[in-house]
Amino acid sequence: MYSSKSGFTETYAQWIGQELGSDVVKIKQARAKDLRSYDAVIYGGGLYISGIRGVRWLKRHLKGLDGKPVIVFATGASPPRPETIVKVRNKNFNAEQQRNIAFFYLRGGFDFRRLNPVDKGLMTLLKWRLLIKRRPNTDERGMLSAYKRPQNFTKKDSIRPLIRHVRQLRSP
């Protein structure tokens, strides 16, 4: 199950589904009662100000999953640094949820052209904030260049730890 605005999360969801031979469903088409029929639930969403798009829906239905394994992956343009992963995990999940949800960060990308008008407006504000900064760091300079030329960092190999985790759940 996934939510994707610009295609990066959808790409990873499709690769994961192919690798595991599992269904791939957009969150808009998902029904909570259907989740109970699966051995595990994998959810992916893009990052927006460190929040995982659509994860609130999943969290509302966790209790109904009867202890099934839940795996969440987030995609973002930032490199997968440990401090980034901790920040995202802490912003999106409380301590109990962190114990019960396996979390993975997969680097996606940024394509300003694919954004809807509201997101374009928000990202334009970010761009201006970065432009007036005296000393933008490497990530900020990279982000500014992505406004001119879309960046796609998706790599199929990035899903390997998640796939390994799911396969370990399946083995006796």
N, C-alpha and C. Protein backbone atom coordinates (compact mmCIF):
# COMPACT_ATOMS: atom_id res chain seq x y z
N MET A 1 0.85 -1.15 0.00
CA MET A 1 0.00 0.00 0.00
C MET A 1 0.91 1.23 0.00
N TYR A 2 0.48 2.26 -0.73
CA TYR A 2 1.35 3.43 -0.82
C TYR A 2 0.55 4.67 -1.15
N SER A 3 1.19 5.81 -0.92
CA SER A 3 0.70 7.10 -1.35
C SER A 3 1.86 7.80 -2.04
N SER A 4 1.63 8.26 -3.26
CA SER A 4 2.72 8.87 -4.03
C SER A 4 2.18 10.06 -4.81
N LYS A 5 2.84 11.19 -4.67
CA LYS A 5 2.45 12.38 -5.42
C LYS A 5 3.25 12.52 -6.71
N SER A 6 4.53 12.21 -6.64
CA SER A 6 5.38 12.48 -7.81
C SER A 6 5.99 11.22 -8.42
N GLY A 7 5.61 10.03 -7.92
CA GLY A 7 6.01 8.79 -8.58
C GLY A 7 7.15 8.03 -7.94
N PHE A 8 7.93 8.65 -7.08
CA PHE A 8 9.08 7.96 -6.50
C PHE A 8 8.65 6.85 -5.55
N THR A 9 7.67 7.13 -4.69
CA THR A 9 7.17 6.11 -3.77
C THR A 9 6.48 5.00 -4.54
N GLU A 10 5.73 5.35 -5.57
CA GLU A 10 5.05 4.34 -6.38
C GLU A 10 6.07 3.40 -7.03
N THR A 11 7.16 3.95 -7.51
CA THR A 11 8.21 3.11 -8.11
C THR A 11 8.71 2.08 -7.11
N TYR A 12 9.03 2.54 -5.90
CA TYR A 12 9.49 1.60 -4.87
C TYR A 12 8.41 0.58 -4.52
N ALA A 13 7.16 1.02 -4.39
CA ALA A 13 6.07 0.10 -4.05
C ALA A 13 5.94 -0.99 -5.12
N GLN A 14 6.05 -0.60 -6.38
CA GLN A 14 5.95 -1.59 -7.47
C GLN A 14 7.12 -2.58 -7.42
N TRP A 15 8.33 -2.08 -7.19
CA TRP A 15 9.49 -2.97 -7.09
C TRP A 15 9.34 -3.94 -5.92
N ILE A 16 8.87 -3.43 -4.78
CA ILE A 16 8.68 -4.29 -3.60
C ILE A 16 7.62 -5.35 -3.89
N GLY A 17 6.52 -4.92 -4.50
CA GLY A 17 5.46 -5.87 -4.86
C GLY A 17 5.95 -6.95 -5.81
N GLN A 18 6.74 -6.56 -6.81
CA GLN A 18 7.29 -7.55 -7.75
C GLN A 18 8.22 -8.53 -7.04
N GLU A 19 9.08 -7.99 -6.20
CA GLU A 19 10.07 -8.82 -5.52
C GLU A 19 9.41 -9.82 -4.56
N LEU A 20 8.35 -9.39 -3.90
CA LEU A 20 7.69 -10.25 -2.91
C LEU A 20 6.49 -11.00 -3.49
N GLY A 21 6.10 -10.68 -4.72
CA GLY A 21 4.92 -11.31 -5.31
C GLY A 21 3.66 -10.92 -4.55
N SER A 22 3.59 -9.66 -4.15
CA SER A 22 2.46 -9.21 -3.33
C SER A 22 1.63 -8.15 -4.05
N ASP A 23 0.44 -7.93 -3.53
CA ASP A 23 -0.43 -6.90 -4.08
C ASP A 23 0.16 -5.52 -3.81
N VAL A 24 -0.10 -4.59 -4.72
CA VAL A 24 0.32 -3.20 -4.56
C VAL A 24 -0.94 -2.36 -4.74
N VAL A 25 -1.30 -1.62 -3.69
CA VAL A 25 -2.56 -0.88 -3.68
C VAL A 25 -2.30 0.57 -3.28
N LYS A 26 -2.89 1.50 -4.01
CA LYS A 26 -2.84 2.90 -3.60
C LYS A 26 -3.68 3.06 -2.34
N ILE A 27 -3.23 3.90 -1.43
CA ILE A 27 -3.95 4.07 -0.17
C ILE A 27 -5.39 4.53 -0.40
N LYS A 28 -5.62 5.29 -1.45
CA LYS A 28 -6.98 5.76 -1.75
C LYS A 28 -7.93 4.60 -2.06
N GLN A 29 -7.37 3.47 -2.48
CA GLN A 29 -8.18 2.30 -2.81
C GLN A 29 -8.18 1.26 -1.69
N ALA A 30 -7.42 1.50 -0.64
CA ALA A 30 -7.29 0.53 0.44
C ALA A 30 -8.49 0.58 1.37
N ARG A 31 -8.84 -0.59 1.88
CA ARG A 31 -9.90 -0.68 2.88
C ARG A 31 -9.32 -1.39 4.09
N ALA A 32 -9.57 -0.83 5.26
CA ALA A 32 -9.00 -1.36 6.49
C ALA A 32 -9.34 -2.83 6.69
N LYS A 33 -10.55 -3.23 6.38
CA LYS A 33 -10.94 -4.63 6.60
C LYS A 33 -10.15 -5.58 5.71
N ASP A 34 -9.71 -5.12 4.56
CA ASP A 34 -8.91 -5.96 3.66
C ASP A 34 -7.51 -6.22 4.20
N LEU A 35 -7.00 -5.33 5.04
CA LEU A 35 -5.65 -5.49 5.57
C LEU A 35 -5.52 -6.76 6.40
N ARG A 36 -6.60 -7.17 7.05
CA ARG A 36 -6.57 -8.37 7.91
C ARG A 36 -6.28 -9.64 7.13
N SER A 37 -6.53 -9.63 5.83
CA SER A 37 -6.33 -10.85 5.04
C SER A 37 -4.86 -11.08 4.65
N TYR A 38 -4.01 -10.13 4.95
CA TYR A 38 -2.59 -10.24 4.60
C TYR A 38 -1.76 -10.72 5.79
N ASP A 39 -0.64 -11.38 5.49
CA ASP A 39 0.28 -11.83 6.54
C ASP A 39 1.04 -10.67 7.16
N ALA A 40 1.28 -9.64 6.36
CA ALA A 40 2.00 -8.44 6.81
C ALA A 40 1.49 -7.26 6.00
N VAL A 41 1.69 -6.08 6.53
CA VAL A 41 1.27 -4.86 5.84
C VAL A 41 2.51 -4.00 5.61
N ILE A 42 2.70 -3.61 4.35
CA ILE A 42 3.81 -2.72 4.00
C ILE A 42 3.18 -1.44 3.47
N TYR A 43 3.60 -0.31 4.04
CA TYR A 43 3.08 0.97 3.61
C TYR A 43 4.24 1.90 3.24
N GLY A 44 4.09 2.62 2.14
CA GLY A 44 5.09 3.60 1.73
C GLY A 44 4.46 4.94 1.44
N GLY A 45 5.14 5.99 1.86
CA GLY A 45 4.66 7.34 1.59
C GLY A 45 5.81 8.31 1.46
N GLY A 46 5.62 9.33 0.67
CA GLY A 46 6.63 10.37 0.50
C GLY A 46 6.68 11.28 1.71
N LEU A 47 7.82 11.92 1.88
CA LEU A 47 8.00 12.85 3.00
C LEU A 47 7.62 14.26 2.59
N TYR A 48 6.88 14.91 3.49
CA TYR A 48 6.50 16.30 3.31
C TYR A 48 6.70 16.98 4.66
N ILE A 49 7.77 17.78 4.76
CA ILE A 49 8.18 18.43 6.00
C ILE A 49 8.35 17.36 7.08
N SER A 50 9.02 16.31 6.74
CA SER A 50 9.33 15.17 7.61
C SER A 50 8.13 14.32 7.98
N GLY A 51 6.94 14.66 7.52
CA GLY A 51 5.77 13.83 7.76
C GLY A 51 5.59 12.85 6.62
N ILE A 52 5.24 11.61 6.94
CA ILE A 52 5.03 10.60 5.91
C ILE A 52 3.59 10.71 5.42
N ARG A 53 3.44 10.99 4.16
CA ARG A 53 2.12 11.16 3.55
C ARG A 53 1.28 9.90 3.73
N GLY A 54 0.09 10.06 4.32
CA GLY A 54 -0.87 8.96 4.45
C GLY A 54 -0.66 8.05 5.64
N VAL A 55 0.39 8.24 6.42
CA VAL A 55 0.67 7.31 7.51
C VAL A 55 -0.36 7.41 8.63
N ARG A 56 -1.03 8.54 8.75
CA ARG A 56 -2.07 8.66 9.78
C ARG A 56 -3.19 7.65 9.57
N TRP A 57 -3.55 7.41 8.31
CA TRP A 57 -4.59 6.41 8.00
C TRP A 57 -4.16 5.04 8.51
N LEU A 58 -2.92 4.68 8.23
CA LEU A 58 -2.40 3.39 8.68
C LEU A 58 -2.40 3.31 10.21
N LYS A 59 -1.94 4.35 10.87
CA LYS A 59 -1.87 4.35 12.34
C LYS A 59 -3.26 4.22 12.97
N ARG A 60 -4.26 4.78 12.33
CA ARG A 60 -5.63 4.66 12.85
C ARG A 60 -6.12 3.21 12.82
N HIS A 61 -5.56 2.41 11.94
CA HIS A 61 -6.03 1.03 11.78
C HIS A 61 -5.08 -0.02 12.34
N LEU A 62 -4.05 0.40 13.05
CA LEU A 62 -3.07 -0.56 13.58
C LEU A 62 -3.70 -1.56 14.54
N LYS A 63 -4.58 -1.11 15.41
CA LYS A 63 -5.17 -2.01 16.40
C LYS A 63 -5.94 -3.15 15.75
N GLY A 64 -6.53 -2.92 14.61
CA GLY A 64 -7.29 -3.95 13.90
C GLY A 64 -6.43 -4.95 13.15
N LEU A 65 -5.13 -4.80 13.21
CA LEU A 65 -4.25 -5.71 12.45
C LEU A 65 -3.83 -6.92 13.27
N ASP A 66 -4.30 -7.02 14.51
CA ASP A 66 -4.09 -8.21 15.33
C ASP A 66 -2.64 -8.67 15.40
N GLY A 67 -1.73 -7.74 15.61
CA GLY A 67 -0.33 -8.12 15.78
C GLY A 67 0.40 -8.50 14.51
N LYS A 68 -0.20 -8.27 13.35
CA LYS A 68 0.49 -8.57 12.08
C LYS A 68 1.71 -7.66 11.95
N PRO A 69 2.77 -8.14 11.32
CA PRO A 69 3.92 -7.26 11.09
C PRO A 69 3.54 -6.07 10.21
N VAL A 70 4.01 -4.90 10.61
CA VAL A 70 3.77 -3.69 9.84
C VAL A 70 5.13 -3.09 9.50
N ILE A 71 5.31 -2.83 8.22
CA ILE A 71 6.55 -2.25 7.71
C ILE A 71 6.17 -0.94 7.02
N VAL A 72 6.90 0.13 7.33
CA VAL A 72 6.65 1.42 6.70
C VAL A 72 7.94 1.90 6.06
N PHE A 73 7.83 2.38 4.82
CA PHE A 73 8.98 3.03 4.20
C PHE A 73 8.57 4.43 3.78
N ALA A 74 9.51 5.34 3.94
CA ALA A 74 9.30 6.72 3.53
C ALA A 74 10.31 7.05 2.45
N THR A 75 9.89 7.87 1.51
CA THR A 75 10.81 8.32 0.46
C THR A 75 10.98 9.83 0.55
N GLY A 76 12.20 10.25 0.34
CA GLY A 76 12.50 11.68 0.37
C GLY A 76 13.71 11.98 -0.48
N ALA A 77 13.93 13.24 -0.74
CA ALA A 77 15.06 13.65 -1.58
C ALA A 77 16.38 13.66 -0.83
N SER A 78 16.33 13.74 0.50
CA SER A 78 17.57 13.80 1.29
C SER A 78 18.31 12.47 1.29
N PRO A 79 19.62 12.52 1.41
CA PRO A 79 20.39 11.28 1.53
C PRO A 79 19.98 10.53 2.80
N PRO A 80 20.09 9.22 2.81
CA PRO A 80 19.66 8.41 3.96
C PRO A 80 20.66 8.44 5.11
N ARG A 81 20.80 9.57 5.74
CA ARG A 81 21.70 9.70 6.89
C ARG A 81 20.99 9.23 8.15
N PRO A 82 21.73 8.65 9.10
CA PRO A 82 21.10 8.17 10.34
C PRO A 82 20.28 9.24 11.05
N GLU A 83 20.79 10.47 11.11
CA GLU A 83 20.05 11.52 11.82
C GLU A 83 18.74 11.87 11.11
N THR A 84 18.72 11.76 9.78
CA THR A 84 17.51 12.01 9.02
C THR A 84 16.48 10.93 9.32
N ILE A 85 16.93 9.69 9.35
CA ILE A 85 16.04 8.56 9.60
C ILE A 85 15.44 8.65 11.00
N VAL A 86 16.26 8.98 11.98
CA VAL A 86 15.77 9.11 13.37
C VAL A 86 14.74 10.24 13.45
N LYS A 87 15.03 11.36 12.82
CA LYS A 87 14.11 12.50 12.84
C LYS A 87 12.76 12.13 12.25
N VAL A 88 12.77 11.46 11.12
CA VAL A 88 11.52 11.07 10.46
C VAL A 88 10.76 10.06 11.32
N ARG A 89 11.46 9.07 11.84
CA ARG A 89 10.81 8.04 12.67
C ARG A 89 10.17 8.69 13.91
N ASN A 90 10.92 9.57 14.57
CA ASN A 90 10.41 10.21 15.79
C ASN A 90 9.24 11.15 15.52
N LYS A 91 9.24 11.80 14.38
CA LYS A 91 8.15 12.72 14.06
C LYS A 91 6.86 11.96 13.74
N ASN A 92 6.99 10.76 13.17
CA ASN A 92 5.81 10.05 12.68
C ASN A 92 5.28 8.96 13.60
N PHE A 93 6.11 8.48 14.53
CA PHE A 93 5.69 7.35 15.36
C PHE A 93 6.06 7.58 16.82
N ASN A 94 5.14 7.25 17.72
CA ASN A 94 5.45 7.32 19.14
C ASN A 94 6.30 6.10 19.52
N ALA A 95 6.73 6.02 20.77
CA ALA A 95 7.64 4.96 21.21
C ALA A 95 7.04 3.57 20.99
N GLU A 96 5.77 3.39 21.33
CA GLU A 96 5.12 2.08 21.15
C GLU A 96 5.05 1.70 19.67
N GLN A 97 4.68 2.65 18.83
CA GLN A 97 4.61 2.39 17.39
C GLN A 97 5.99 2.04 16.85
N GLN A 98 7.03 2.71 17.33
CA GLN A 98 8.39 2.41 16.87
C GLN A 98 8.80 0.98 17.21
N ARG A 99 8.31 0.47 18.34
CA ARG A 99 8.63 -0.92 18.71
C ARG A 99 7.91 -1.92 17.82
N ASN A 100 6.75 -1.52 17.27
CA ASN A 100 5.91 -2.45 16.52
C ASN A 100 5.93 -2.26 15.01
N ILE A 101 6.60 -1.22 14.56
CA ILE A 101 6.65 -0.94 13.12
C ILE A 101 8.10 -0.95 12.67
N ALA A 102 8.41 -1.76 11.68
CA ALA A 102 9.75 -1.73 11.07
C ALA A 102 9.76 -0.55 10.09
N PHE A 103 10.75 0.31 10.21
CA PHE A 103 10.80 1.52 9.41
C PHE A 103 12.03 1.55 8.51
N PHE A 104 11.82 1.95 7.26
CA PHE A 104 12.90 2.05 6.28
C PHE A 104 12.78 3.40 5.56
N TYR A 105 13.93 3.99 5.25
CA TYR A 105 13.98 5.23 4.48
C TYR A 105 14.62 4.92 3.14
N LEU A 106 13.93 5.29 2.06
CA LEU A 106 14.44 5.06 0.71
C LEU A 106 14.53 6.42 0.00
N ARG A 107 15.67 6.68 -0.57
CA ARG A 107 15.85 7.97 -1.22
C ARG A 107 15.07 8.01 -2.52
N GLY A 108 14.24 9.03 -2.65
CA GLY A 108 13.40 9.19 -3.84
C GLY A 108 13.97 10.21 -4.79
N GLY A 109 13.43 11.41 -4.75
CA GLY A 109 13.90 12.45 -5.65
C GLY A 109 13.04 13.68 -5.53
N PHE A 110 13.20 14.57 -6.47
CA PHE A 110 12.42 15.81 -6.49
C PHE A 110 12.22 16.24 -7.93
N ASP A 111 10.96 16.47 -8.28
CA ASP A 111 10.62 16.94 -9.62
C ASP A 111 9.55 18.02 -9.46
N PHE A 112 9.98 19.25 -9.46
CA PHE A 112 9.10 20.40 -9.26
C PHE A 112 7.94 20.38 -10.25
N ARG A 113 8.18 19.93 -11.47
CA ARG A 113 7.16 19.94 -12.52
C ARG A 113 5.98 19.04 -12.18
N ARG A 114 6.20 17.98 -11.40
CA ARG A 114 5.14 17.02 -11.08
C ARG A 114 4.25 17.46 -9.91
N LEU A 115 4.60 18.54 -9.25
CA LEU A 115 3.85 18.97 -8.07
C LEU A 115 2.55 19.67 -8.46
N ASN A 116 1.56 19.55 -7.57
CA ASN A 116 0.31 20.27 -7.79
C ASN A 116 0.54 21.75 -7.43
N PRO A 117 -0.40 22.64 -7.76
CA PRO A 117 -0.19 24.07 -7.52
C PRO A 117 0.09 24.43 -6.05
N VAL A 118 -0.59 23.80 -5.11
CA VAL A 118 -0.37 24.10 -3.69
C VAL A 118 1.05 23.72 -3.30
N ASP A 119 1.48 22.50 -3.68
CA ASP A 119 2.83 22.05 -3.34
C ASP A 119 3.89 22.90 -4.04
N LYS A 120 3.61 23.32 -5.27
CA LYS A 120 4.54 24.21 -5.97
C LYS A 120 4.71 25.51 -5.20
N GLY A 121 3.61 26.04 -4.67
CA GLY A 121 3.68 27.27 -3.89
C GLY A 121 4.53 27.08 -2.63
N LEU A 122 4.29 25.98 -1.91
CA LEU A 122 5.06 25.71 -0.70
C LEU A 122 6.54 25.51 -1.01
N MET A 123 6.82 24.78 -2.06
CA MET A 123 8.22 24.52 -2.42
C MET A 123 8.90 25.77 -2.96
N THR A 124 8.14 26.68 -3.55
CA THR A 124 8.71 27.96 -3.98
C THR A 124 9.12 28.78 -2.76
N LEU A 125 8.31 28.74 -1.71
CA LEU A 125 8.68 29.42 -0.46
C LEU A 125 9.98 28.85 0.10
N LEU A 126 10.10 27.52 0.07
CA LEU A 126 11.34 26.89 0.54
C LEU A 126 12.52 27.34 -0.32
N LYS A 127 12.31 27.37 -1.61
CA LYS A 127 13.38 27.78 -2.52
C LYS A 127 13.87 29.18 -2.17
N TRP A 128 12.93 30.11 -1.94
CA TRP A 128 13.32 31.48 -1.60
C TRP A 128 14.04 31.54 -0.27
N ARG A 129 13.59 30.72 0.68
CA ARG A 129 14.27 30.66 1.98
C ARG A 129 15.71 30.18 1.82
N LEU A 130 15.91 29.20 0.95
CA LEU A 130 17.26 28.68 0.70
C LEU A 130 18.11 29.70 -0.05
N LEU A 131 17.50 30.43 -0.98
CA LEU A 131 18.24 31.41 -1.77
C LEU A 131 18.77 32.57 -0.93
N ILE A 132 18.06 32.96 0.12
CA ILE A 132 18.51 34.09 0.93
C ILE A 132 19.47 33.66 2.04
N LYS A 133 19.68 32.37 2.19
CA LYS A 133 20.59 31.87 3.21
C LYS A 133 22.03 32.22 2.83
N ARG A 134 22.80 32.65 3.79
CA ARG A 134 24.19 33.05 3.50
C ARG A 134 25.07 31.86 3.11
N ARG A 135 24.96 30.79 3.84
CA ARG A 135 25.82 29.63 3.58
C ARG A 135 24.99 28.36 3.53
N PRO A 136 24.33 28.11 2.40
CA PRO A 136 23.55 26.87 2.32
C PRO A 136 24.49 25.65 2.39
N ASN A 137 24.04 24.60 3.08
CA ASN A 137 24.86 23.40 3.16
C ASN A 137 24.75 22.60 1.86
N THR A 138 25.45 21.51 1.79
CA THR A 138 25.50 20.70 0.57
C THR A 138 24.11 20.24 0.15
N ASP A 139 23.31 19.74 1.11
CA ASP A 139 21.96 19.28 0.78
C ASP A 139 21.10 20.43 0.26
N GLU A 140 21.23 21.60 0.85
CA GLU A 140 20.44 22.75 0.42
C GLU A 140 20.84 23.20 -0.98
N ARG A 141 22.14 23.18 -1.27
CA ARG A 141 22.59 23.52 -2.63
C ARG A 141 22.07 22.49 -3.63
N GLY A 142 22.08 21.22 -3.23
CA GLY A 142 21.54 20.17 -4.09
C GLY A 142 20.06 20.35 -4.36
N MET A 143 19.33 20.74 -3.32
CA MET A 143 17.90 20.98 -3.46
C MET A 143 17.65 22.13 -4.43
N LEU A 144 18.41 23.20 -4.30
CA LEU A 144 18.25 24.34 -5.21
C LEU A 144 18.50 23.93 -6.66
N SER A 145 19.49 23.10 -6.89
CA SER A 145 19.76 22.66 -8.27
C SER A 145 18.64 21.76 -8.80
N ALA A 146 17.93 21.07 -7.90
CA ALA A 146 16.84 20.18 -8.32
C ALA A 146 15.64 20.95 -8.85
N TYR A 147 15.52 22.22 -8.50
CA TYR A 147 14.44 23.02 -9.05
C TYR A 147 14.65 23.22 -10.55
N LYS A 148 15.90 23.28 -10.96
CA LYS A 148 16.21 23.49 -12.37
C LYS A 148 16.18 22.19 -13.16
N ARG A 149 16.66 21.13 -12.52
CA ARG A 149 16.75 19.84 -13.21
C ARG A 149 16.26 18.76 -12.25
N PRO A 150 15.16 18.06 -12.58
CA PRO A 150 14.63 17.04 -11.68
C PRO A 150 15.70 16.02 -11.27
N GLN A 151 15.58 15.57 -10.05
CA GLN A 151 16.52 14.58 -9.51
C GLN A 151 15.77 13.30 -9.17
N ASN A 152 16.31 12.18 -9.61
CA ASN A 152 15.72 10.87 -9.30
C ASN A 152 16.82 9.99 -8.72
N PHE A 153 16.70 9.69 -7.44
CA PHE A 153 17.70 8.87 -6.75
C PHE A 153 17.21 7.45 -6.49
N THR A 154 16.05 7.09 -7.04
CA THR A 154 15.53 5.74 -6.79
C THR A 154 16.48 4.70 -7.37
N LYS A 155 16.72 3.67 -6.59
CA LYS A 155 17.55 2.55 -7.02
C LYS A 155 16.90 1.28 -6.50
N LYS A 156 16.74 0.32 -7.37
CA LYS A 156 16.08 -0.92 -6.96
C LYS A 156 16.84 -1.61 -5.82
N ASP A 157 18.14 -1.50 -5.81
CA ASP A 157 18.94 -2.11 -4.73
C ASP A 157 18.58 -1.55 -3.35
N SER A 158 18.02 -0.35 -3.30
CA SER A 158 17.69 0.27 -2.02
C SER A 158 16.63 -0.51 -1.25
N ILE A 159 15.83 -1.32 -1.95
CA ILE A 159 14.77 -2.07 -1.27
C ILE A 159 15.28 -3.36 -0.62
N ARG A 160 16.52 -3.73 -0.86
CA ARG A 160 17.04 -5.00 -0.35
C ARG A 160 16.87 -5.19 1.16
N PRO A 161 17.23 -4.20 2.01
CA PRO A 161 17.03 -4.42 3.45
C PRO A 161 15.57 -4.67 3.82
N LEU A 162 14.65 -3.95 3.18
CA LEU A 162 13.23 -4.15 3.45
C LEU A 162 12.80 -5.55 3.02
N ILE A 163 13.21 -5.96 1.84
CA ILE A 163 12.88 -7.30 1.32
C ILE A 163 13.44 -8.37 2.25
N ARG A 164 14.67 -8.20 2.67
CA ARG A 164 15.31 -9.16 3.59
C ARG A 164 14.50 -9.25 4.90
N HIS A 165 14.08 -8.11 5.40
CA HIS A 165 13.29 -8.08 6.64
C HIS A 165 11.99 -8.87 6.47
N VAL A 166 11.28 -8.64 5.38
CA VAL A 166 10.00 -9.33 5.14
C VAL A 166 10.24 -10.84 4.97
N ARG A 167 11.26 -11.20 4.26
CA ARG A 167 11.54 -12.63 4.07
C ARG A 167 11.92 -13.31 5.38
N GLN A 168 12.59 -12.61 6.26
CA GLN A 168 12.90 -13.17 7.57
C GLN A 168 11.62 -13.39 8.39
N LEU A 169 10.64 -12.54 8.20
CA LEU A 169 9.34 -12.73 8.88
C LEU A 169 8.66 -14.00 8.40
N ARG A 170 8.85 -14.33 7.13
CA ARG A 170 8.19 -15.50 6.53
C ARG A 170 8.86 -16.81 6.91
N SER A 171 10.16 -16.78 7.19
CA SER A 171 10.88 -18.03 7.44
C SER A 171 10.59 -18.52 8.86
N PRO A 172 10.47 -19.86 9.02
CA PRO A 172 10.14 -20.43 10.34
C PRO A 172 11.23 -20.30 11.37
